[in-house]
Amino acid sequence: MLGVKLDVAPFMDKVCEELRKLDVTQVRALADAIFECYEKRQTVFIIGNGGSGSNASHFCEDLGKGSLRREDFDNDNKKRLRVLSLTDNTPYILAWGNDEGFERVFLEQLKNLANPGDLLVAISGSGNSPNILRAVEWANKNGLKTFGCTGFGGGKLKGLAQHNLHVALDDMGIVESVHLTAFHWVVDNMLKRISY
């Protein structure tokens, strides 16, 4: 972790440098994929572990609420984005993890909930989390669109997902920070497209 070696200012400079390196076409592609789901009334599923799981929950919450203006909250006729983080049903995750193995915790939820044309956003800094890979493999075989958000070298997820948002840096904290910053732009873009 770079913060072990760098003082505050150089660390922040490094974060800024990595943000400037991000391929903005990948960020726009993620926004376009989510907006397509909105237009077609498909569902966006988001998954991740650890800090990436926290990003999945955060991104889901922001997309669900942050794509609306306050005046839309009580408008029952306003079409809303269908979005769900599969990191948030703790008893369900624990049941699958305990009884059948942690690599199934996202896959089995998708089997219950997903339909062809839905989008799976899979966040994995390493790109090698078995539960993420299993879910993406199933999604690819069952007509979902898949978008991998990775760091480091991208791992297996970078080659498995149909589309990618990749941060080529060997520092998990900064990778997660760059992902979250990109996600915040996507949320703002959804607000613009959906509610303005």
N, C-alpha and C. Protein backbone atom coordinates (compact mmCIF):
# COMPACT_ATOMS: atom_id res chain seq x y z
N MET A 1 0.84 -1.17 0.00
CA MET A 1 0.00 0.00 0.00
C MET A 1 0.89 1.24 0.00
N LEU A 2 0.62 2.14 -0.93
CA LEU A 2 1.50 3.28 -1.13
C LEU A 2 1.54 4.24 0.05
N GLY A 3 0.47 4.28 0.84
CA GLY A 3 0.44 5.16 2.01
C GLY A 3 1.47 4.80 3.06
N VAL A 4 1.99 3.58 3.00
CA VAL A 4 3.06 3.17 3.92
C VAL A 4 4.36 3.90 3.56
N LYS A 5 4.55 4.15 2.27
CA LYS A 5 5.80 4.76 1.79
C LYS A 5 5.70 6.25 1.57
N LEU A 6 4.49 6.73 1.28
CA LEU A 6 4.31 8.13 0.89
C LEU A 6 3.65 8.94 2.00
N ASP A 7 4.08 10.19 2.13
CA ASP A 7 3.42 11.12 3.04
C ASP A 7 2.09 11.55 2.37
N VAL A 8 1.32 12.35 3.08
CA VAL A 8 -0.03 12.69 2.63
C VAL A 8 -0.03 13.34 1.25
N ALA A 9 0.75 14.39 1.05
CA ALA A 9 0.70 15.13 -0.22
C ALA A 9 1.10 14.26 -1.41
N PRO A 10 2.23 13.52 -1.34
CA PRO A 10 2.55 12.66 -2.48
C PRO A 10 1.53 11.55 -2.71
N PHE A 11 0.93 11.06 -1.62
CA PHE A 11 -0.12 10.05 -1.77
C PHE A 11 -1.30 10.62 -2.53
N MET A 12 -1.75 11.81 -2.15
CA MET A 12 -2.87 12.45 -2.85
C MET A 12 -2.52 12.77 -4.29
N ASP A 13 -1.26 13.16 -4.53
CA ASP A 13 -0.81 13.39 -5.91
C ASP A 13 -0.94 12.12 -6.74
N LYS A 14 -0.59 10.98 -6.13
CA LYS A 14 -0.68 9.69 -6.82
C LYS A 14 -2.13 9.35 -7.15
N VAL A 15 -3.03 9.61 -6.22
CA VAL A 15 -4.45 9.37 -6.47
C VAL A 15 -4.91 10.22 -7.66
N CYS A 16 -4.54 11.50 -7.66
CA CYS A 16 -4.92 12.39 -8.76
C CYS A 16 -4.34 11.91 -10.09
N GLU A 17 -3.09 11.45 -10.04
CA GLU A 17 -2.44 10.92 -11.25
C GLU A 17 -3.22 9.73 -11.81
N GLU A 18 -3.63 8.83 -10.93
CA GLU A 18 -4.37 7.65 -11.37
C GLU A 18 -5.75 8.02 -11.91
N LEU A 19 -6.39 9.01 -11.32
CA LEU A 19 -7.68 9.47 -11.85
C LEU A 19 -7.51 10.03 -13.26
N ARG A 20 -6.44 10.77 -13.50
CA ARG A 20 -6.20 11.34 -14.83
C ARG A 20 -5.90 10.26 -15.86
N LYS A 21 -5.35 9.12 -15.42
CA LYS A 21 -5.03 8.02 -16.34
C LYS A 21 -6.25 7.20 -16.75
N LEU A 22 -7.32 7.31 -16.00
CA LEU A 22 -8.49 6.47 -16.23
C LEU A 22 -9.03 6.67 -17.65
N ASP A 23 -9.36 5.59 -18.31
CA ASP A 23 -9.92 5.63 -19.66
C ASP A 23 -11.38 6.08 -19.55
N VAL A 24 -11.64 7.32 -19.92
CA VAL A 24 -12.98 7.87 -19.74
C VAL A 24 -14.00 7.19 -20.64
N THR A 25 -13.56 6.57 -21.73
CA THR A 25 -14.51 5.85 -22.58
C THR A 25 -15.08 4.65 -21.83
N GLN A 26 -14.30 4.06 -20.93
CA GLN A 26 -14.81 2.95 -20.13
C GLN A 26 -15.85 3.43 -19.13
N VAL A 27 -15.63 4.59 -18.56
CA VAL A 27 -16.59 5.15 -17.60
C VAL A 27 -17.89 5.49 -18.32
N ARG A 28 -17.78 6.10 -19.49
CA ARG A 28 -18.98 6.41 -20.27
C ARG A 28 -19.72 5.14 -20.69
N ALA A 29 -18.96 4.09 -21.04
CA ALA A 29 -19.59 2.82 -21.44
C ALA A 29 -20.39 2.22 -20.29
N LEU A 30 -19.88 2.35 -19.06
CA LEU A 30 -20.62 1.87 -17.90
C LEU A 30 -21.91 2.66 -17.74
N ALA A 31 -21.83 3.96 -17.87
CA ALA A 31 -23.03 4.80 -17.78
C ALA A 31 -24.03 4.43 -18.86
N ASP A 32 -23.55 4.21 -20.07
CA ASP A 32 -24.45 3.84 -21.18
C ASP A 32 -25.13 2.51 -20.91
N ALA A 33 -24.38 1.55 -20.38
CA ALA A 33 -24.97 0.23 -20.09
C ALA A 33 -26.05 0.32 -19.03
N ILE A 34 -25.81 1.13 -18.01
CA ILE A 34 -26.81 1.31 -16.95
C ILE A 34 -28.03 2.05 -17.50
N PHE A 35 -27.81 3.08 -18.30
CA PHE A 35 -28.94 3.82 -18.86
C PHE A 35 -29.77 2.95 -19.79
N GLU A 36 -29.12 2.07 -20.53
CA GLU A 36 -29.86 1.14 -21.39
C GLU A 36 -30.78 0.25 -20.55
N CYS A 37 -30.30 -0.20 -19.40
CA CYS A 37 -31.16 -0.98 -18.50
C CYS A 37 -32.35 -0.15 -18.04
N TYR A 38 -32.12 1.10 -17.72
CA TYR A 38 -33.21 1.99 -17.30
C TYR A 38 -34.26 2.08 -18.42
N GLU A 39 -33.81 2.33 -19.62
CA GLU A 39 -34.74 2.50 -20.74
C GLU A 39 -35.56 1.24 -20.99
N LYS A 40 -34.94 0.08 -20.83
CA LYS A 40 -35.61 -1.19 -21.14
C LYS A 40 -36.24 -1.85 -19.92
N ARG A 41 -36.21 -1.17 -18.76
CA ARG A 41 -36.77 -1.71 -17.51
C ARG A 41 -36.07 -3.01 -17.11
N GLN A 42 -34.79 -3.10 -17.40
CA GLN A 42 -33.97 -4.23 -16.96
C GLN A 42 -33.36 -3.87 -15.62
N THR A 43 -32.77 -4.85 -14.96
CA THR A 43 -32.20 -4.64 -13.63
C THR A 43 -30.68 -4.61 -13.70
N VAL A 44 -30.10 -3.72 -12.92
CA VAL A 44 -28.64 -3.64 -12.74
C VAL A 44 -28.32 -4.33 -11.41
N PHE A 45 -27.50 -5.36 -11.46
CA PHE A 45 -27.00 -6.05 -10.26
C PHE A 45 -25.55 -5.65 -10.05
N ILE A 46 -25.16 -5.43 -8.80
CA ILE A 46 -23.79 -5.03 -8.49
C ILE A 46 -23.25 -5.96 -7.41
N ILE A 47 -22.00 -6.43 -7.62
CA ILE A 47 -21.38 -7.36 -6.67
C ILE A 47 -19.94 -6.97 -6.40
N GLY A 48 -19.44 -7.37 -5.23
CA GLY A 48 -18.05 -7.14 -4.86
C GLY A 48 -17.80 -7.68 -3.47
N ASN A 49 -16.55 -7.81 -3.09
CA ASN A 49 -16.14 -8.28 -1.77
C ASN A 49 -15.35 -7.18 -1.06
N GLY A 50 -15.38 -7.18 0.27
CA GLY A 50 -14.57 -6.23 1.05
C GLY A 50 -14.86 -4.80 0.66
N GLY A 51 -13.80 -4.03 0.39
CA GLY A 51 -13.96 -2.64 -0.02
C GLY A 51 -14.75 -2.52 -1.32
N SER A 52 -14.56 -3.48 -2.22
CA SER A 52 -15.34 -3.48 -3.46
C SER A 52 -16.80 -3.80 -3.18
N GLY A 53 -17.07 -4.61 -2.15
CA GLY A 53 -18.44 -4.85 -1.73
C GLY A 53 -19.08 -3.59 -1.18
N SER A 54 -18.29 -2.84 -0.41
CA SER A 54 -18.76 -1.56 0.10
C SER A 54 -19.05 -0.61 -1.06
N ASN A 55 -18.17 -0.60 -2.08
CA ASN A 55 -18.41 0.22 -3.26
C ASN A 55 -19.68 -0.23 -3.99
N ALA A 56 -19.93 -1.54 -4.02
CA ALA A 56 -21.14 -2.06 -4.67
C ALA A 56 -22.39 -1.53 -3.97
N SER A 57 -22.38 -1.60 -2.64
CA SER A 57 -23.52 -1.09 -1.87
C SER A 57 -23.69 0.41 -2.06
N HIS A 58 -22.59 1.13 -2.02
CA HIS A 58 -22.61 2.59 -2.16
C HIS A 58 -23.12 2.98 -3.55
N PHE A 59 -22.60 2.32 -4.57
CA PHE A 59 -22.99 2.60 -5.95
C PHE A 59 -24.48 2.33 -6.15
N CYS A 60 -24.95 1.22 -5.59
CA CYS A 60 -26.37 0.86 -5.69
C CYS A 60 -27.25 1.93 -5.05
N GLU A 61 -26.91 2.30 -3.84
CA GLU A 61 -27.70 3.32 -3.12
C GLU A 61 -27.71 4.63 -3.90
N ASP A 62 -26.55 5.04 -4.39
CA ASP A 62 -26.47 6.30 -5.13
C ASP A 62 -27.27 6.23 -6.42
N LEU A 63 -27.19 5.11 -7.14
CA LEU A 63 -27.94 4.99 -8.39
C LEU A 63 -29.45 4.99 -8.14
N GLY A 64 -29.88 4.29 -7.11
CA GLY A 64 -31.30 4.19 -6.84
C GLY A 64 -31.93 5.50 -6.41
N LYS A 65 -31.26 6.22 -5.55
CA LYS A 65 -31.80 7.48 -5.03
C LYS A 65 -31.25 8.68 -5.80
N GLY A 66 -29.96 8.64 -6.13
CA GLY A 66 -29.30 9.79 -6.73
C GLY A 66 -29.63 10.04 -8.18
N SER A 67 -30.39 9.13 -8.80
CA SER A 67 -30.81 9.37 -10.19
C SER A 67 -32.16 10.09 -10.24
N LEU A 68 -32.65 10.51 -9.07
CA LEU A 68 -33.93 11.21 -8.99
C LEU A 68 -33.75 12.60 -8.39
N ARG A 69 -34.56 13.54 -8.84
CA ARG A 69 -34.63 14.84 -8.20
C ARG A 69 -35.61 14.74 -7.04
N ARG A 70 -35.46 15.60 -6.06
CA ARG A 70 -36.34 15.56 -4.87
C ARG A 70 -37.81 15.62 -5.27
N GLU A 71 -38.14 16.41 -6.29
CA GLU A 71 -39.54 16.54 -6.68
C GLU A 71 -40.10 15.26 -7.31
N ASP A 72 -39.22 14.31 -7.65
CA ASP A 72 -39.66 13.03 -8.20
C ASP A 72 -40.00 11.99 -7.13
N PHE A 73 -39.61 12.24 -5.89
CA PHE A 73 -39.77 11.23 -4.84
C PHE A 73 -41.22 10.80 -4.66
N ASP A 74 -42.15 11.72 -4.77
CA ASP A 74 -43.56 11.40 -4.56
C ASP A 74 -44.32 11.20 -5.87
N ASN A 75 -43.61 11.15 -6.97
CA ASN A 75 -44.24 10.96 -8.28
C ASN A 75 -44.29 9.47 -8.59
N ASP A 76 -45.44 8.86 -8.39
CA ASP A 76 -45.58 7.43 -8.61
C ASP A 76 -45.51 7.04 -10.08
N ASN A 77 -45.60 8.02 -10.98
CA ASN A 77 -45.52 7.74 -12.41
C ASN A 77 -44.11 7.87 -12.96
N LYS A 78 -43.17 8.31 -12.11
CA LYS A 78 -41.78 8.47 -12.55
C LYS A 78 -41.12 7.10 -12.66
N LYS A 79 -40.65 6.76 -13.85
CA LYS A 79 -39.93 5.50 -14.04
C LYS A 79 -38.61 5.58 -13.29
N ARG A 80 -38.26 4.51 -12.58
CA ARG A 80 -37.04 4.49 -11.78
C ARG A 80 -36.09 3.41 -12.26
N LEU A 81 -34.84 3.63 -11.94
CA LEU A 81 -33.80 2.66 -12.26
C LEU A 81 -33.93 1.46 -11.34
N ARG A 82 -33.93 0.26 -11.91
CA ARG A 82 -34.00 -0.97 -11.14
C ARG A 82 -32.56 -1.40 -10.85
N VAL A 83 -32.15 -1.31 -9.58
CA VAL A 83 -30.76 -1.59 -9.22
C VAL A 83 -30.72 -2.29 -7.87
N LEU A 84 -29.85 -3.30 -7.76
CA LEU A 84 -29.76 -4.08 -6.54
C LEU A 84 -28.32 -4.53 -6.31
N SER A 85 -27.81 -4.26 -5.12
CA SER A 85 -26.50 -4.78 -4.72
C SER A 85 -26.70 -6.14 -4.07
N LEU A 86 -26.05 -7.15 -4.59
CA LEU A 86 -26.17 -8.50 -4.04
C LEU A 86 -25.23 -8.71 -2.85
N THR A 87 -24.61 -7.66 -2.38
CA THR A 87 -23.74 -7.74 -1.20
C THR A 87 -24.50 -7.50 0.10
N ASP A 88 -25.78 -7.16 0.02
CA ASP A 88 -26.46 -6.59 1.18
C ASP A 88 -27.43 -7.51 1.91
N ASN A 89 -27.70 -8.69 1.42
CA ASN A 89 -28.60 -9.61 2.10
C ASN A 89 -27.76 -10.58 2.92
N THR A 90 -27.34 -10.15 4.09
CA THR A 90 -26.39 -10.91 4.90
C THR A 90 -26.86 -12.33 5.22
N PRO A 91 -28.08 -12.56 5.69
CA PRO A 91 -28.48 -13.93 5.98
C PRO A 91 -28.43 -14.85 4.75
N TYR A 92 -28.84 -14.32 3.60
CA TYR A 92 -28.82 -15.09 2.36
C TYR A 92 -27.37 -15.46 2.00
N ILE A 93 -26.48 -14.47 2.07
CA ILE A 93 -25.07 -14.70 1.77
C ILE A 93 -24.48 -15.73 2.73
N LEU A 94 -24.79 -15.60 4.01
CA LEU A 94 -24.25 -16.53 5.01
C LEU A 94 -24.79 -17.94 4.82
N ALA A 95 -26.06 -18.06 4.45
CA ALA A 95 -26.63 -19.39 4.21
C ALA A 95 -25.93 -20.09 3.05
N TRP A 96 -25.79 -19.40 1.94
CA TRP A 96 -25.11 -20.00 0.79
C TRP A 96 -23.64 -20.27 1.11
N GLY A 97 -23.00 -19.29 1.74
CA GLY A 97 -21.58 -19.46 2.07
C GLY A 97 -21.34 -20.62 3.01
N ASN A 98 -22.15 -20.73 4.04
CA ASN A 98 -21.99 -21.79 5.03
C ASN A 98 -22.35 -23.17 4.47
N ASP A 99 -23.46 -23.24 3.75
CA ASP A 99 -23.98 -24.53 3.33
C ASP A 99 -23.35 -25.06 2.04
N GLU A 100 -23.02 -24.14 1.12
CA GLU A 100 -22.58 -24.59 -0.21
C GLU A 100 -21.23 -24.02 -0.64
N GLY A 101 -20.72 -23.03 0.06
CA GLY A 101 -19.44 -22.44 -0.29
C GLY A 101 -19.56 -20.99 -0.71
N PHE A 102 -18.59 -20.20 -0.27
CA PHE A 102 -18.63 -18.76 -0.49
C PHE A 102 -18.59 -18.40 -1.97
N GLU A 103 -18.04 -19.27 -2.80
CA GLU A 103 -17.97 -18.96 -4.23
C GLU A 103 -19.35 -18.91 -4.89
N ARG A 104 -20.40 -19.32 -4.18
CA ARG A 104 -21.75 -19.36 -4.74
C ARG A 104 -22.64 -18.19 -4.29
N VAL A 105 -22.15 -17.31 -3.43
CA VAL A 105 -23.04 -16.33 -2.78
C VAL A 105 -23.69 -15.34 -3.75
N PHE A 106 -23.02 -15.01 -4.84
CA PHE A 106 -23.61 -14.10 -5.82
C PHE A 106 -24.31 -14.87 -6.94
N LEU A 107 -23.70 -15.92 -7.38
CA LEU A 107 -24.25 -16.76 -8.43
C LEU A 107 -25.68 -17.20 -8.10
N GLU A 108 -25.88 -17.71 -6.89
CA GLU A 108 -27.20 -18.24 -6.54
C GLU A 108 -28.25 -17.14 -6.44
N GLN A 109 -27.87 -15.96 -6.01
CA GLN A 109 -28.82 -14.84 -6.00
C GLN A 109 -29.23 -14.47 -7.42
N LEU A 110 -28.26 -14.47 -8.34
CA LEU A 110 -28.58 -14.16 -9.73
C LEU A 110 -29.56 -15.18 -10.30
N LYS A 111 -29.38 -16.44 -9.96
CA LYS A 111 -30.28 -17.48 -10.46
C LYS A 111 -31.72 -17.20 -10.04
N ASN A 112 -31.90 -16.64 -8.85
CA ASN A 112 -33.24 -16.32 -8.37
C ASN A 112 -33.81 -15.06 -9.02
N LEU A 113 -32.96 -14.09 -9.32
CA LEU A 113 -33.44 -12.74 -9.63
C LEU A 113 -33.22 -12.25 -11.05
N ALA A 114 -32.21 -12.75 -11.74
CA ALA A 114 -31.79 -12.14 -13.00
C ALA A 114 -32.58 -12.66 -14.20
N ASN A 115 -32.66 -11.80 -15.20
CA ASN A 115 -33.29 -12.12 -16.48
C ASN A 115 -32.36 -11.73 -17.62
N PRO A 116 -32.50 -12.38 -18.77
CA PRO A 116 -31.70 -11.96 -19.93
C PRO A 116 -31.89 -10.47 -20.19
N GLY A 117 -30.80 -9.80 -20.53
CA GLY A 117 -30.84 -8.36 -20.78
C GLY A 117 -30.48 -7.53 -19.57
N ASP A 118 -30.48 -8.13 -18.37
CA ASP A 118 -30.04 -7.42 -17.18
C ASP A 118 -28.53 -7.18 -17.26
N LEU A 119 -28.04 -6.34 -16.37
CA LEU A 119 -26.61 -6.00 -16.33
C LEU A 119 -26.02 -6.42 -15.00
N LEU A 120 -24.87 -7.07 -15.04
CA LEU A 120 -24.11 -7.40 -13.84
C LEU A 120 -22.84 -6.57 -13.82
N VAL A 121 -22.72 -5.70 -12.81
CA VAL A 121 -21.51 -4.92 -12.59
C VAL A 121 -20.72 -5.65 -11.50
N ALA A 122 -19.58 -6.20 -11.87
CA ALA A 122 -18.77 -7.03 -10.97
C ALA A 122 -17.50 -6.27 -10.61
N ILE A 123 -17.35 -5.95 -9.32
CA ILE A 123 -16.22 -5.14 -8.87
C ILE A 123 -15.24 -6.05 -8.13
N SER A 124 -14.01 -6.12 -8.62
CA SER A 124 -12.98 -6.92 -7.97
C SER A 124 -11.63 -6.30 -8.26
N GLY A 125 -11.00 -5.75 -7.23
CA GLY A 125 -9.70 -5.12 -7.43
C GLY A 125 -8.70 -6.08 -8.05
N SER A 126 -8.63 -7.30 -7.55
CA SER A 126 -7.68 -8.29 -8.07
C SER A 126 -8.16 -8.89 -9.38
N GLY A 127 -9.47 -8.94 -9.56
CA GLY A 127 -10.04 -9.61 -10.73
C GLY A 127 -10.05 -11.11 -10.62
N ASN A 128 -9.76 -11.65 -9.45
CA ASN A 128 -9.63 -13.10 -9.30
C ASN A 128 -10.49 -13.70 -8.20
N SER A 129 -11.46 -12.97 -7.69
CA SER A 129 -12.32 -13.50 -6.63
C SER A 129 -13.22 -14.59 -7.19
N PRO A 130 -13.14 -15.81 -6.64
CA PRO A 130 -13.93 -16.92 -7.20
C PRO A 130 -15.44 -16.65 -7.23
N ASN A 131 -15.99 -16.01 -6.21
CA ASN A 131 -17.44 -15.77 -6.22
C ASN A 131 -17.84 -14.77 -7.30
N ILE A 132 -16.96 -13.83 -7.60
CA ILE A 132 -17.21 -12.87 -8.68
C ILE A 132 -17.14 -13.58 -10.03
N LEU A 133 -16.10 -14.37 -10.21
CA LEU A 133 -15.91 -15.06 -11.49
C LEU A 133 -17.05 -16.02 -11.78
N ARG A 134 -17.50 -16.76 -10.78
CA ARG A 134 -18.62 -17.70 -10.97
C ARG A 134 -19.88 -16.95 -11.41
N ALA A 135 -20.13 -15.82 -10.77
CA ALA A 135 -21.32 -15.03 -11.12
C ALA A 135 -21.24 -14.50 -12.55
N VAL A 136 -20.07 -14.01 -12.94
CA VAL A 136 -19.90 -13.47 -14.29
C VAL A 136 -20.00 -14.58 -15.33
N GLU A 137 -19.42 -15.73 -15.05
CA GLU A 137 -19.54 -16.85 -15.98
C GLU A 137 -21.00 -17.21 -16.23
N TRP A 138 -21.77 -17.30 -15.12
CA TRP A 138 -23.18 -17.64 -15.25
C TRP A 138 -23.92 -16.54 -16.01
N ALA A 139 -23.65 -15.30 -15.68
CA ALA A 139 -24.32 -14.18 -16.34
C ALA A 139 -24.05 -14.19 -17.85
N ASN A 140 -22.81 -14.43 -18.23
CA ASN A 140 -22.47 -14.48 -19.65
C ASN A 140 -23.24 -15.58 -20.38
N LYS A 141 -23.43 -16.71 -19.71
CA LYS A 141 -24.11 -17.86 -20.33
C LYS A 141 -25.62 -17.68 -20.36
N ASN A 142 -26.14 -16.75 -19.58
CA ASN A 142 -27.59 -16.62 -19.45
C ASN A 142 -28.14 -15.29 -19.93
N GLY A 143 -27.43 -14.66 -20.83
CA GLY A 143 -27.97 -13.50 -21.54
C GLY A 143 -27.88 -12.17 -20.83
N LEU A 144 -27.09 -12.10 -19.73
CA LEU A 144 -26.88 -10.82 -19.07
C LEU A 144 -25.70 -10.12 -19.73
N LYS A 145 -25.67 -8.80 -19.60
CA LYS A 145 -24.48 -8.03 -19.97
C LYS A 145 -23.59 -8.00 -18.75
N THR A 146 -22.28 -8.07 -18.94
CA THR A 146 -21.37 -8.06 -17.80
C THR A 146 -20.33 -6.96 -17.95
N PHE A 147 -20.09 -6.28 -16.84
CA PHE A 147 -19.13 -5.18 -16.78
C PHE A 147 -18.22 -5.42 -15.59
N GLY A 148 -16.93 -5.63 -15.84
CA GLY A 148 -15.97 -5.86 -14.77
C GLY A 148 -15.25 -4.57 -14.41
N CYS A 149 -15.14 -4.31 -13.11
CA CYS A 149 -14.39 -3.15 -12.60
C CYS A 149 -13.20 -3.71 -11.83
N THR A 150 -12.00 -3.52 -12.37
CA THR A 150 -10.81 -4.19 -11.85
C THR A 150 -9.67 -3.22 -11.58
N GLY A 151 -8.65 -3.75 -10.91
CA GLY A 151 -7.40 -3.05 -10.68
C GLY A 151 -6.25 -3.99 -10.99
N PHE A 152 -5.06 -3.66 -10.50
CA PHE A 152 -3.86 -4.48 -10.70
C PHE A 152 -3.74 -4.84 -12.19
N GLY A 153 -3.54 -6.11 -12.52
CA GLY A 153 -3.47 -6.51 -13.92
C GLY A 153 -4.82 -6.87 -14.52
N GLY A 154 -5.86 -6.80 -13.72
CA GLY A 154 -7.20 -7.12 -14.19
C GLY A 154 -7.63 -8.53 -13.87
N GLY A 155 -6.66 -9.41 -13.60
CA GLY A 155 -6.98 -10.79 -13.27
C GLY A 155 -7.82 -11.47 -14.33
N LYS A 156 -8.49 -12.54 -13.94
CA LYS A 156 -9.33 -13.30 -14.87
C LYS A 156 -10.58 -12.51 -15.26
N LEU A 157 -11.05 -11.66 -14.37
CA LEU A 157 -12.28 -10.91 -14.64
C LEU A 157 -12.14 -10.02 -15.86
N LYS A 158 -10.99 -9.43 -16.05
CA LYS A 158 -10.80 -8.51 -17.18
C LYS A 158 -11.05 -9.21 -18.51
N GLY A 159 -10.65 -10.46 -18.61
CA GLY A 159 -10.88 -11.21 -19.84
C GLY A 159 -12.26 -11.85 -19.91
N LEU A 160 -12.88 -12.07 -18.77
CA LEU A 160 -14.16 -12.76 -18.71
C LEU A 160 -15.35 -11.81 -18.93
N ALA A 161 -15.28 -10.62 -18.36
CA ALA A 161 -16.38 -9.65 -18.50
C ALA A 161 -16.44 -9.14 -19.93
N GLN A 162 -17.64 -8.84 -20.38
CA GLN A 162 -17.82 -8.34 -21.75
C GLN A 162 -17.29 -6.91 -21.91
N HIS A 163 -17.33 -6.13 -20.84
CA HIS A 163 -16.84 -4.75 -20.84
C HIS A 163 -16.09 -4.52 -19.54
N ASN A 164 -15.19 -3.53 -19.54
CA ASN A 164 -14.34 -3.31 -18.36
C ASN A 164 -14.15 -1.84 -18.03
N LEU A 165 -13.95 -1.61 -16.74
CA LEU A 165 -13.44 -0.35 -16.21
C LEU A 165 -12.20 -0.75 -15.42
N HIS A 166 -11.02 -0.48 -15.97
CA HIS A 166 -9.79 -1.01 -15.39
C HIS A 166 -8.89 0.10 -14.87
N VAL A 167 -8.41 -0.07 -13.64
CA VAL A 167 -7.44 0.83 -13.03
C VAL A 167 -6.15 0.05 -12.88
N ALA A 168 -5.19 0.33 -13.73
CA ALA A 168 -3.95 -0.46 -13.79
C ALA A 168 -2.96 0.02 -12.74
N LEU A 169 -3.24 -0.34 -11.49
CA LEU A 169 -2.39 0.07 -10.38
C LEU A 169 -2.39 -1.02 -9.33
N ASP A 170 -1.23 -1.30 -8.74
CA ASP A 170 -1.10 -2.34 -7.72
C ASP A 170 -1.25 -1.77 -6.32
N ASP A 171 -2.37 -1.10 -6.07
CA ASP A 171 -2.68 -0.57 -4.74
C ASP A 171 -4.18 -0.62 -4.56
N MET A 172 -4.64 -1.55 -3.72
CA MET A 172 -6.08 -1.79 -3.60
C MET A 172 -6.84 -0.55 -3.15
N GLY A 173 -6.31 0.19 -2.20
CA GLY A 173 -7.02 1.36 -1.70
C GLY A 173 -7.24 2.40 -2.77
N ILE A 174 -6.21 2.67 -3.56
CA ILE A 174 -6.36 3.68 -4.61
C ILE A 174 -7.26 3.15 -5.72
N VAL A 175 -7.14 1.86 -6.05
CA VAL A 175 -8.04 1.26 -7.05
C VAL A 175 -9.49 1.47 -6.63
N GLU A 176 -9.80 1.14 -5.37
CA GLU A 176 -11.17 1.30 -4.88
C GLU A 176 -11.61 2.75 -4.89
N SER A 177 -10.69 3.67 -4.58
CA SER A 177 -11.01 5.10 -4.59
C SER A 177 -11.31 5.59 -6.00
N VAL A 178 -10.52 5.13 -6.96
CA VAL A 178 -10.74 5.54 -8.36
C VAL A 178 -12.07 4.96 -8.86
N HIS A 179 -12.33 3.69 -8.54
CA HIS A 179 -13.63 3.11 -8.92
C HIS A 179 -14.77 3.96 -8.37
N LEU A 180 -14.71 4.29 -7.09
CA LEU A 180 -15.81 5.03 -6.47
C LEU A 180 -15.96 6.41 -7.08
N THR A 181 -14.86 7.06 -7.41
CA THR A 181 -14.94 8.37 -8.07
C THR A 181 -15.62 8.25 -9.43
N ALA A 182 -15.26 7.21 -10.19
CA ALA A 182 -15.90 6.97 -11.48
C ALA A 182 -17.39 6.70 -11.29
N PHE A 183 -17.72 5.92 -10.27
CA PHE A 183 -19.13 5.61 -10.00
C PHE A 183 -19.93 6.87 -9.68
N HIS A 184 -19.31 7.80 -8.96
CA HIS A 184 -20.01 9.04 -8.64
C HIS A 184 -20.32 9.84 -9.91
N TRP A 185 -19.40 9.83 -10.89
CA TRP A 185 -19.72 10.51 -12.15
C TRP A 185 -20.88 9.80 -12.85
N VAL A 186 -20.87 8.47 -12.84
CA VAL A 186 -21.95 7.71 -13.48
C VAL A 186 -23.29 8.06 -12.84
N VAL A 187 -23.33 8.16 -11.52
CA VAL A 187 -24.58 8.52 -10.83
C VAL A 187 -25.05 9.90 -11.30
N ASP A 188 -24.15 10.87 -11.35
CA ASP A 188 -24.53 12.21 -11.81
C ASP A 188 -25.04 12.16 -13.25
N ASN A 189 -24.39 11.35 -14.07
CA ASN A 189 -24.82 11.21 -15.46
C ASN A 189 -26.21 10.59 -15.55
N MET A 190 -26.49 9.62 -14.67
CA MET A 190 -27.83 9.03 -14.65
C MET A 190 -28.87 10.06 -14.21
N LEU A 191 -28.55 10.89 -13.23
CA LEU A 191 -29.46 11.94 -12.80
C LEU A 191 -29.78 12.87 -13.97
N LYS A 192 -28.76 13.25 -14.71
CA LYS A 192 -28.95 14.13 -15.86
C LYS A 192 -29.85 13.48 -16.90
N ARG A 193 -29.60 12.21 -17.20
CA ARG A 193 -30.32 11.53 -18.27
C ARG A 193 -31.74 11.12 -17.87
N ILE A 194 -31.92 10.80 -16.61
CA ILE A 194 -33.21 10.27 -16.14
C ILE A 194 -34.14 11.38 -15.66
N SER A 195 -33.60 12.38 -15.03
CA SER A 195 -34.47 13.34 -14.33
C SER A 195 -34.39 14.78 -14.82
N TYR A 196 -33.56 15.07 -15.82
CA TYR A 196 -33.51 16.44 -16.33
C TYR A 196 -33.87 16.47 -17.80
